[in-house]
Protein backbone atom coordinates (compact mmCIF):
# COMPACT_ATOMS: atom_id res chain seq x y z
CA MET A 1 -10.78 249.06 160.73
CA SER A 2 -13.68 250.77 162.50
CA GLN A 3 -15.13 251.82 159.15
CA ILE A 4 -15.10 248.21 157.89
CA ILE A 5 -16.83 247.01 161.07
CA THR A 6 -19.42 249.79 160.76
CA LYS A 7 -20.18 248.88 157.12
CA ALA A 8 -20.45 245.17 158.00
CA PHE A 9 -22.79 246.00 160.89
CA LYS A 10 -25.00 248.07 158.59
CA ARG A 11 -25.23 245.22 156.08
CA LEU A 12 -26.08 242.73 158.80
CA THR A 13 -28.77 245.09 160.07
CA ILE A 14 -30.30 245.30 156.58
CA VAL A 15 -30.27 241.49 156.26
CA SER A 16 -31.89 241.19 159.71
CA HIS A 17 -34.68 243.58 158.76
CA MET A 18 -35.24 241.79 155.45
CA THR A 19 -35.41 238.42 157.25
CA LYS A 20 -38.03 239.73 159.66
CA LEU A 21 -40.00 241.19 156.77
CA LEU A 22 -39.94 237.85 154.93
CA ILE A 23 -41.13 235.97 158.04
CA TYR A 24 -44.01 238.37 158.65
CA THR A 25 -44.91 238.31 154.96
CA ALA A 26 -44.91 234.50 154.90
CA LEU A 27 -47.22 234.37 157.94
CA PHE A 28 -49.53 236.89 156.33
CA LEU A 29 -49.60 235.00 153.03
CA HIS A 30 -50.22 231.68 154.76
CA PHE A 31 -53.22 232.62 156.90
CA ILE A 32 -54.97 235.56 155.23
CA PRO A 33 -55.59 234.63 151.54
CA SER A 34 -57.84 231.63 152.28
CA LEU A 35 -60.23 233.95 154.13
CA LEU A 36 -60.06 236.64 151.43
CA HIS A 37 -60.80 234.16 148.64
CA GLY A 38 -63.79 232.83 150.50
CA GLU A 39 -62.54 229.28 150.56
CA ASN A 40 -63.77 228.69 154.13
CA ILE A 41 -67.27 230.00 153.53
CA SER A 42 -69.84 227.62 154.95
CA GLU A 43 -71.79 225.86 152.23
CA PRO A 44 -75.53 225.13 152.22
CA ASP A 45 -76.76 221.67 153.05
CA ASN A 46 -78.06 220.94 149.53
CA LYS A 47 -74.73 219.63 148.22
CA MET A 48 -74.34 217.42 145.16
CA LEU A 49 -71.75 214.74 144.58
CA VAL A 50 -69.86 215.09 141.32
CA ASN A 51 -69.73 211.90 139.26
CA ALA A 52 -67.80 213.35 136.29
CA VAL A 53 -66.12 216.57 135.16
CA HIS A 54 -66.22 217.40 131.43
CA ILE A 55 -63.97 220.11 129.96
CA TYR A 56 -64.53 221.63 126.50
CA GLY A 57 -62.96 224.40 124.43
CA ASN A 58 -59.34 223.98 125.52
CA ARG A 59 -57.12 223.58 122.51
CA ARG A 60 -53.78 224.56 124.06
CA THR A 61 -54.48 224.56 127.78
CA ARG A 62 -53.97 221.15 129.33
CA GLU A 63 -56.96 219.58 131.04
CA LYS A 64 -54.74 218.96 134.08
CA THR A 65 -54.06 222.71 134.32
CA ILE A 66 -57.78 223.58 134.19
CA ARG A 67 -58.55 220.96 136.84
CA MET A 68 -55.91 222.45 139.16
CA TYR A 69 -57.49 225.89 138.90
CA LEU A 70 -60.96 224.36 139.15
CA SER A 71 -60.19 222.45 142.38
CA ILE A 72 -63.26 220.23 141.87
CA ASN A 73 -62.80 216.52 141.23
CA GLU A 74 -64.99 213.46 140.88
CA GLY A 75 -66.51 212.49 144.21
CA ASP A 76 -66.43 216.05 145.62
CA ALA A 77 -69.51 217.66 147.11
CA ILE A 78 -70.43 220.93 145.40
CA ASP A 79 -73.10 223.60 145.49
CA SER A 80 -73.64 226.97 143.78
CA THR A 81 -71.14 228.74 146.05
CA ARG A 82 -68.30 226.39 145.24
CA ILE A 83 -69.09 226.59 141.54
CA LYS A 84 -68.91 230.40 141.65
CA ILE A 85 -65.55 230.24 143.42
CA ALA A 86 -64.21 227.78 140.82
CA LYS A 87 -65.41 229.99 137.95
CA ARG A 88 -63.80 233.06 139.50
CA ARG A 89 -60.54 231.16 139.95
CA LEU A 90 -60.50 230.24 136.25
CA GLU A 91 -61.34 233.80 135.20
CA ARG A 92 -58.52 235.21 137.33
CA THR A 93 -55.97 233.33 135.23
CA ARG A 94 -56.91 235.47 132.21
CA LEU A 95 -56.14 232.48 130.03
CA PHE A 96 -59.70 232.49 128.71
CA SER A 97 -61.98 235.11 127.18
CA LYS A 98 -65.05 233.21 128.41
CA VAL A 99 -65.65 230.69 131.20
CA ASN A 100 -68.94 228.86 131.79
CA LEU A 101 -69.68 226.21 134.42
CA PHE A 102 -72.96 224.30 134.75
CA THR A 103 -74.20 221.00 136.18
CA MET A 104 -76.51 218.32 134.81
CA LYS A 105 -78.15 215.57 136.85
CA LYS A 106 -78.04 212.12 135.26
CA ASN A 107 -78.88 208.61 136.40
CA ASP A 108 -75.32 208.00 137.59
CA GLY A 109 -75.07 211.34 139.44
CA VAL A 110 -74.18 214.96 138.79
CA HIS A 111 -71.97 215.90 135.82
CA LEU A 112 -70.05 219.21 135.91
CA TYR A 113 -69.39 220.85 132.53
CA VAL A 114 -66.62 223.40 132.07
CA VAL A 115 -66.67 225.32 128.77
CA VAL A 116 -63.86 227.77 128.03
CA THR A 117 -62.90 230.01 125.13
CA GLU A 118 -59.16 230.51 124.82
CA HIS A 119 -57.28 233.67 123.92
CA PHE A 120 -54.64 233.74 121.21
CA TYR A 121 -51.55 233.25 123.34
CA LEU A 122 -48.69 234.17 120.98
CA LEU A 123 -48.07 237.90 121.26
CA PRO A 124 -45.45 239.53 118.99
CA ASP A 125 -44.10 242.97 119.86
CA GLY A 126 -41.50 245.31 118.49
CA GLY A 127 -40.51 248.64 117.06
CA GLY A 128 -37.62 250.54 115.56
CA THR A 129 -35.55 253.31 117.12
CA TYR A 130 -33.08 255.63 115.46
CA TYR A 131 -30.49 257.68 117.33
CA ARG A 132 -28.98 260.98 116.25
CA TYR A 133 -25.97 260.85 118.56
CA LYS A 134 -23.14 258.37 118.99
CA TYR A 135 -19.97 258.87 121.04
CA ASP A 136 -21.06 262.47 121.77
CA LYS A 137 -21.23 263.36 118.05
CA GLU A 138 -24.10 263.78 115.63
CA GLN A 139 -24.29 260.42 113.92
CA LEU A 140 -27.39 258.52 112.78
CA TRP A 141 -27.72 254.88 113.79
CA PHE A 142 -30.56 252.39 114.17
CA ARG A 143 -31.85 249.67 116.45
CA LEU A 144 -34.68 247.24 115.67
CA ASN A 145 -36.47 245.52 118.58
CA LEU A 146 -38.52 242.35 118.19
CA SER A 147 -40.06 240.00 120.74
CA LEU A 148 -42.45 237.05 120.96
CA ALA A 149 -44.31 236.07 124.12
CA ASP A 150 -46.35 232.95 124.84
CA ARG A 151 -48.83 233.57 127.67
CA ASN A 152 -49.72 229.88 127.92
CA PHE A 153 -46.39 228.14 127.38
CA ARG A 154 -46.75 224.34 127.23
CA GLY A 155 -50.46 224.75 128.01
CA THR A 156 -49.73 225.11 131.73
CA GLY A 157 -50.33 228.84 132.23
CA GLU A 158 -46.59 229.54 132.13
CA GLU A 159 -45.34 232.69 130.42
CA ALA A 160 -42.26 232.59 128.18
CA LYS A 161 -40.75 235.42 126.17
CA ILE A 162 -37.80 235.95 123.87
CA ALA A 163 -36.68 239.42 122.76
CA VAL A 164 -33.93 240.46 120.38
CA SER A 165 -32.60 243.71 119.00
CA PHE A 166 -30.04 244.18 116.27
CA TRP A 167 -28.29 246.63 114.01
CA GLU A 168 -25.68 248.75 115.80
CA GLY A 169 -27.27 247.98 119.15
CA ARG A 170 -27.71 244.26 119.83
CA SER A 171 -29.41 242.38 122.66
CA LEU A 172 -30.99 239.06 123.57
CA SER A 173 -33.25 238.33 126.53
CA LEU A 174 -35.18 235.28 127.74
CA SER A 175 -37.81 235.31 130.47
CA TRP A 176 -40.07 232.69 132.06
CA LYS A 177 -42.81 232.69 134.70
CA LYS A 178 -44.27 229.49 136.15
CA PRO A 179 -47.32 229.22 138.42
CA LEU A 180 -46.81 226.60 141.15
CA LEU A 181 -50.26 225.01 140.86
CA PRO A 182 -52.50 224.40 142.66
CA SER A 183 -51.11 227.08 145.03
CA ASP A 184 -51.13 230.84 144.36
CA PHE A 185 -47.31 231.00 144.34
CA TYR A 186 -45.18 231.46 141.23
CA LEU A 187 -41.53 231.60 140.16
CA SER A 188 -40.07 233.96 137.58
CA SER A 189 -36.63 234.24 136.02
CA SER A 190 -34.92 236.05 133.17
CA LEU A 191 -31.52 236.59 131.58
CA ALA A 192 -30.54 239.42 129.23
CA ILE A 193 -27.40 240.62 127.48
CA ASP A 194 -27.03 243.94 125.69
CA HIS A 195 -24.22 245.57 123.69
CA SER A 196 -24.58 249.12 122.35
CA PRO A 197 -22.59 252.34 121.81
CA SER A 198 -22.84 255.21 124.26
CA LEU A 199 -24.66 258.35 123.16
CA VAL A 200 -22.47 260.83 125.07
CA ASN A 201 -19.12 259.07 125.66
CA LYS A 202 -16.58 257.32 123.43
CA TYR A 203 -17.14 253.77 124.67
CA ASN A 204 -19.33 250.74 124.06
CA VAL A 205 -21.44 249.32 126.87
CA THR A 206 -21.97 245.60 127.50
CA GLN A 207 -24.52 244.62 130.13
CA LEU A 208 -25.58 241.26 131.56
CA ALA A 209 -28.65 241.18 133.81
CA GLY A 210 -30.58 238.40 135.51
CA LYS A 211 -33.66 237.94 137.66
CA LEU A 212 -34.91 235.29 140.08
CA VAL A 213 -38.24 236.10 141.74
CA ALA A 214 -40.77 234.28 143.91
CA GLY A 215 -44.24 235.72 144.32
CA LYS A 216 -47.78 235.03 145.38
CA GLU A 217 -51.28 236.22 144.51
CA ILE A 218 -52.68 237.61 147.76
CA PHE A 219 -55.93 239.14 146.47
CA ASP A 220 -57.85 238.89 143.21
CA PHE A 221 -55.51 240.26 140.51
CA THR A 222 -52.91 241.38 143.08
CA GLU A 223 -49.44 239.87 143.52
CA ILE A 224 -46.44 240.58 145.69
CA ALA A 225 -42.94 239.31 144.96
CA PHE A 226 -39.43 239.16 146.39
CA GLY A 227 -36.35 238.60 144.27
CA PHE A 228 -32.68 238.96 143.48
CA PHE A 229 -31.32 240.76 140.41
CA PRO A 230 -27.63 240.25 139.50
CA TYR A 231 -26.13 242.85 137.17
CA TRP A 232 -22.76 243.12 135.37
CA ASN A 233 -21.52 246.03 133.27
CA LYS A 234 -18.46 246.73 131.12
CA GLN A 235 -17.51 249.98 129.40
CA GLN A 236 -14.90 249.57 126.66
CA TRP A 237 -13.33 252.71 125.18
CA VAL A 238 -13.25 252.66 121.37
CA GLU A 239 -9.91 254.45 120.97
CA SER A 240 -7.94 252.61 123.64
CA SER A 241 -7.82 249.42 125.66
CA TYR A 242 -9.13 251.20 128.75
CA ARG A 243 -12.20 249.60 130.31
CA ILE A 244 -14.32 249.79 133.45
CA LYS A 245 -16.13 246.82 134.95
CA SER A 246 -18.73 246.63 137.70
CA SER A 247 -20.99 244.02 139.26
CA GLU A 248 -23.94 244.28 141.63
CA LEU A 249 -26.63 242.20 143.30
CA TYR A 250 -29.94 243.95 143.77
CA THR A 251 -32.57 242.81 146.24
CA GLY A 252 -36.13 243.87 145.58
CA ILE A 253 -39.75 243.72 146.67
CA GLY A 254 -42.56 244.33 144.18
CA TRP A 255 -46.32 244.76 144.09
CA VAL A 256 -48.68 244.45 141.10
CA THR A 257 -52.42 245.12 141.03
CA ASP A 258 -54.18 244.67 137.68
CA ARG A 259 -57.86 245.61 137.80
CA ARG A 260 -58.31 246.34 134.09
CA ASN A 261 -61.50 244.96 132.56
CA ARG A 262 -59.40 243.26 129.88
CA LEU A 263 -55.74 242.97 128.95
CA PHE A 264 -56.10 244.16 125.35
CA ASN A 265 -57.24 247.75 124.81
CA PRO A 266 -58.87 248.12 128.26
CA SER A 267 -61.70 250.63 128.61
CA LYS A 268 -62.10 250.60 132.41
CA GLY A 269 -60.03 249.94 135.51
CA PHE A 270 -56.44 250.50 136.52
CA TYR A 271 -53.01 248.86 136.65
CA PHE A 272 -50.41 249.62 139.33
CA TYR A 273 -46.81 248.45 139.60
CA GLY A 274 -44.41 249.26 142.42
CA ASP A 275 -40.85 248.07 142.95
CA ILE A 276 -38.19 248.87 145.56
CA ARG A 277 -34.60 247.68 144.99
CA PHE A 278 -31.23 248.24 146.61
CA ASN A 279 -27.70 246.99 146.00
CA HIS A 280 -26.35 247.31 149.54
CA LEU A 281 -25.65 243.57 149.95
CA TYR A 282 -23.11 243.53 147.12
CA HIS A 283 -21.74 246.19 144.79
CA LYS A 284 -18.30 246.32 143.20
CA GLY A 285 -17.17 249.28 141.14
CA THR A 286 -20.39 251.20 141.82
CA GLN A 287 -22.11 253.06 144.63
CA SER A 288 -24.82 251.74 146.92
CA TYR A 289 -28.26 253.28 146.55
CA LEU A 290 -31.96 252.57 146.95
CA GLN A 291 -34.40 252.95 144.05
CA SER A 292 -38.18 253.05 143.83
CA VAL A 293 -39.99 252.51 140.52
CA SER A 294 -43.76 252.93 140.24
CA GLU A 295 -46.31 253.21 137.46
CA LEU A 296 -50.07 253.79 137.50
CA ARG A 297 -52.26 253.31 134.42
CA LEU A 298 -55.88 254.49 134.45
CA TYR A 299 -58.59 253.73 131.88
CA HIS A 300 -62.02 255.35 131.61
CA PRO A 301 -64.73 255.54 128.93
CA GLY A 302 -64.53 258.65 126.79
CA PHE A 303 -67.20 261.14 125.78
CA PHE A 304 -68.69 258.96 123.05
CA LYS A 305 -69.33 255.26 122.48
CA GLU A 306 -66.18 253.09 122.36
CA ASN A 307 -63.98 256.09 123.17
CA ILE A 308 -61.29 255.52 125.81
CA ILE A 309 -59.24 257.87 127.97
CA ALA A 310 -55.92 256.25 128.91
CA LEU A 311 -53.58 257.86 131.45
CA ARG A 312 -50.13 256.86 132.68
CA LEU A 313 -48.14 258.26 135.62
CA GLY A 314 -44.68 256.94 136.43
CA ALA A 315 -41.69 257.77 138.58
CA THR A 316 -38.18 256.48 139.25
CA LEU A 317 -36.78 257.89 142.49
CA ARG A 318 -33.42 257.33 144.23
CA ASN A 319 -32.14 258.26 147.66
CA LYS A 320 -28.77 259.42 146.27
CA ASP A 321 -26.51 259.53 143.21
CA ALA A 322 -26.23 256.05 141.67
CA GLY A 323 -23.13 256.91 139.63
CA PRO A 324 -22.52 257.24 135.86
CA LEU A 325 -23.33 253.59 135.14
CA HIS A 326 -26.96 254.12 136.13
CA TYR A 327 -27.84 257.64 134.99
CA LEU A 328 -31.39 257.97 133.62
CA THR A 329 -32.72 259.53 130.43
CA LEU A 330 -36.14 259.82 128.76
CA GLY A 331 -37.41 259.78 125.19
CA GLY A 332 -38.70 257.24 122.70
CA ILE A 333 -41.68 255.00 122.01
CA LYS A 334 -42.61 253.93 125.55
CA SER A 335 -41.29 257.06 127.19
CA ILE A 336 -41.77 260.58 125.75
CA ARG A 337 -42.83 260.26 122.14
CA GLY A 338 -41.65 262.96 119.77
CA TYR A 339 -38.03 262.20 120.62
CA ALA A 340 -36.39 259.51 118.54
CA SER A 341 -34.23 258.22 121.38
CA PRO A 342 -33.58 258.72 125.13
CA ILE A 343 -32.07 262.21 124.85
CA VAL A 344 -33.86 264.17 127.61
CA GLY A 345 -31.39 264.19 130.49
CA ASN A 346 -28.33 263.96 128.26
CA TYR A 347 -28.10 267.57 127.09
CA ILE A 348 -27.73 269.77 130.19
CA ILE A 349 -27.38 267.71 133.35
CA LYS A 350 -26.08 264.30 132.10
CA ASN A 351 -26.38 262.85 135.61
CA GLY A 352 -30.09 262.13 135.97
CA ASN A 353 -31.05 260.01 138.96
CA ASN A 354 -34.78 260.68 139.14
CA THR A 355 -37.53 260.80 136.53
CA ILE A 356 -41.25 261.46 136.40
CA ILE A 357 -43.47 260.86 133.40
CA ALA A 358 -47.12 261.59 132.56
CA SER A 359 -48.89 260.47 129.39
CA CYS A 360 -52.42 260.71 128.07
CA GLU A 361 -54.17 259.22 125.05
CA TYR A 362 -57.72 259.79 123.87
CA ARG A 363 -58.55 256.72 121.76
CA PHE A 364 -61.52 256.54 119.39
CA PRO A 365 -62.76 254.22 116.61
CA LEU A 366 -62.58 255.36 112.98
CA PHE A 367 -63.95 252.45 110.96
CA ARG A 368 -64.14 248.67 110.87
CA LEU A 369 -63.01 246.58 107.92
CA PRO A 370 -64.99 243.60 106.59
CA TYR A 371 -63.88 240.28 108.02
CA ILE A 372 -60.93 238.87 106.07
CA THR A 373 -59.53 235.37 105.60
CA VAL A 374 -55.80 234.85 105.99
CA PRO A 375 -54.54 232.31 103.43
CA VAL A 376 -52.49 229.33 104.64
CA LEU A 377 -52.93 230.21 108.34
CA SER A 378 -56.68 229.62 108.13
CA SER A 379 -56.02 225.95 107.36
CA PHE A 380 -54.23 225.58 110.72
CA ASP A 381 -56.49 227.72 112.93
CA ASN A 382 -60.12 228.60 112.16
CA ARG A 383 -59.69 231.97 113.88
CA PHE A 384 -57.85 233.09 110.72
CA GLU A 385 -60.93 232.36 108.61
CA SER A 386 -62.67 235.59 109.70
CA VAL A 387 -60.27 238.11 111.16
CA ASP A 388 -61.76 241.26 112.68
CA ILE A 389 -59.72 244.35 111.76
CA ARG A 390 -60.49 247.76 113.27
CA ILE A 391 -58.92 251.16 112.64
CA HIS A 392 -58.71 253.51 115.62
CA GLY A 393 -57.27 256.96 116.11
CA ALA A 394 -55.63 258.60 119.13
CA PHE A 395 -54.65 262.05 120.35
CA ILE A 396 -51.34 261.93 122.23
CA GLY A 397 -49.73 263.98 124.96
CA ASP A 398 -46.51 262.98 126.78
CA PHE A 399 -44.46 264.81 129.41
CA GLY A 400 -41.32 263.80 131.28
CA ARG A 401 -38.74 265.29 133.60
CA VAL A 402 -35.23 264.22 134.60
CA GLY A 403 -33.54 265.56 137.72
CA THR A 404 -30.33 264.99 139.65
CA THR A 405 -31.89 264.85 143.13
CA LEU A 406 -35.29 264.26 144.72
CA GLU A 407 -35.50 267.96 145.58
CA ASP A 408 -34.84 268.94 141.96
CA ILE A 409 -37.35 266.59 140.36
CA PHE A 410 -40.27 268.06 142.34
CA SER A 411 -39.09 271.67 142.50
CA VAL A 412 -40.49 274.33 140.18
CA LYS A 413 -37.36 276.51 140.38
CA ALA A 414 -34.69 273.78 140.24
CA ARG A 415 -31.99 274.20 137.58
CA SER A 416 -30.53 270.70 137.58
CA VAL A 417 -33.46 269.30 135.58
CA GLU A 418 -34.42 268.67 131.97
CA SER A 419 -38.01 268.45 130.78
CA GLY A 420 -39.50 267.31 127.50
CA SER A 421 -42.97 266.88 126.05
CA GLY A 422 -44.65 265.71 122.88
CA LEU A 423 -48.03 266.40 121.25
CA GLY A 424 -49.49 264.58 118.29
CA ALA A 425 -51.85 261.94 116.95
CA GLY A 426 -51.73 258.31 115.92
CA ILE A 427 -53.42 255.57 113.93
CA ARG A 428 -53.86 252.06 115.38
CA VAL A 429 -54.75 248.92 113.44
CA LEU A 430 -56.35 246.47 115.87
CA ALA A 431 -56.93 242.72 115.62
CA PRO A 432 -58.88 242.05 118.86
CA ASP A 433 -59.18 238.29 118.34
CA PHE A 434 -55.39 238.03 118.46
CA GLN A 435 -54.85 240.81 121.02
CA ILE A 436 -52.39 242.67 118.82
CA ASN A 437 -52.25 246.05 117.11
CA GLY A 438 -49.89 248.14 115.04
CA CYS A 439 -49.28 251.82 115.84
CA ILE A 440 -48.21 254.80 113.76
CA ASP A 441 -47.70 257.96 115.84
CA VAL A 442 -46.83 261.41 114.51
CA VAL A 443 -45.65 263.55 117.43
CA PHE A 444 -44.17 267.06 117.67
CA LYS A 445 -41.54 267.47 120.36
CA GLN A 446 -40.73 270.34 122.67
CA ASP A 447 -37.35 271.98 122.16
CA PHE A 448 -35.91 271.30 125.62
CA ARG A 449 -32.68 273.17 124.78
CA LEU A 450 -34.38 276.56 125.14
CA PRO A 451 -34.20 278.59 128.39
CA ARG A 452 -36.58 277.76 131.21
CA GLY A 453 -40.04 279.23 130.68
CA VAL A 454 -39.80 279.23 126.87
CA LEU A 455 -42.14 276.62 125.36
CA LYS A 456 -41.70 275.85 121.67
CA TYR A 457 -42.45 272.78 119.59
CA LEU A 458 -40.33 271.92 116.57
CA SER A 459 -42.10 272.06 113.19
CA ILE A 460 -40.85 268.65 112.00
CA PRO A 461 -42.47 265.74 113.86
CA GLU A 462 -41.06 262.36 114.73
CA ILE A 463 -42.80 259.27 113.33
CA HIS A 464 -42.94 256.21 115.59
CA LEU A 465 -43.76 252.75 114.22
CA TYR A 466 -44.30 249.90 116.70
CA LEU A 467 -46.51 247.02 117.78
CA ASN A 468 -48.97 247.13 120.69
CA PHE A 469 -50.14 250.00 122.84
CA PRO A 470 -47.40 251.74 124.87
CA TYR A 471 -49.65 251.40 127.94
């Protein structure tokens, strides 16, 4: 009885701390951003009254959406400061590649002109993965992943995405993000289901995961969010009717800062993502634990013109063992290239709870094709009348490590770890106007099965085919 009371008290304490954190965060978000965005800056006396607002260049974005971001209406008094703030607000949306605002005095008053150039908002993504192991035996099987995202769904700045995978591993996921204009708040939700065979055990895994998040932009290109993440898992043995089920509710707080100079193939700036989650409020059939996930991407000009150095550092860290349902592995397209599938962490330890990853690419242009016209599509969108195609190359280096504990993952002498790395090169076919590219990477992998201190790369490389940069 005393143990039950102690556990209940601990959960109530966590809820109390989270409530206080939410209250303080709400107060901070309510009073600070208006000062940071400069919205209370005193304006000069030479104000002009707006008689009309004219918007040009928006083919998909609704005029109502642009006006909400603009925050300038007919009858408002404006000056150069307010116009700069409105332009910056439109640029922060990243819905447009160009934004221009200017005024013109006419007999009936001042007319404000807003001219925007839209991005191509439909972004396909995908890639194929093949696995060499199934049910702890050498057996080749495949999985094809495809997705389509709309970064301006319904012309309101919403983001919608659908992703599917099929073959022996099948999944379907839907996600949606809605800005609550004219405020800086947003809502985000997703639902995903996945069914696939286990690599190291004789069972199939079915997972159902959801997300409900509320967030707010607190600085330019910086957001914080708080959300709930329900999760359900079933393991069904293939040779018997035995099964294991579990369900959890994660609570999480996240932070995103995106200071890249552009979303597609950035050449300067950085991107940071941090997320802390825990399942202490509800977990059935699993253990309680706290997890931190972080990723930093850095971009810098290379040694020659149009060359880019791209770096990625990431870590997943846990305070204790999360149990077999949540063990971590590395390997694959957006992890450690050179390995066909997530195999690092499944050979020696098989109970990975912590990972670190470091990747580097040196990207450089090779040549540029003449502008081409895409038949049929060019009759619907004039951007297909002269498509810019560029061929780039890249040198690739990836490294990752999986460990059982926090002490192991950062220790040089720890034995309960597995490490893997890949070295190679790639070709990228870029279509900048549509913010999409295709990648072909040829990467040699380290043989992580050898004793510690022995570094050897296998002579046969892995070939990765996928859409869009891995970072």
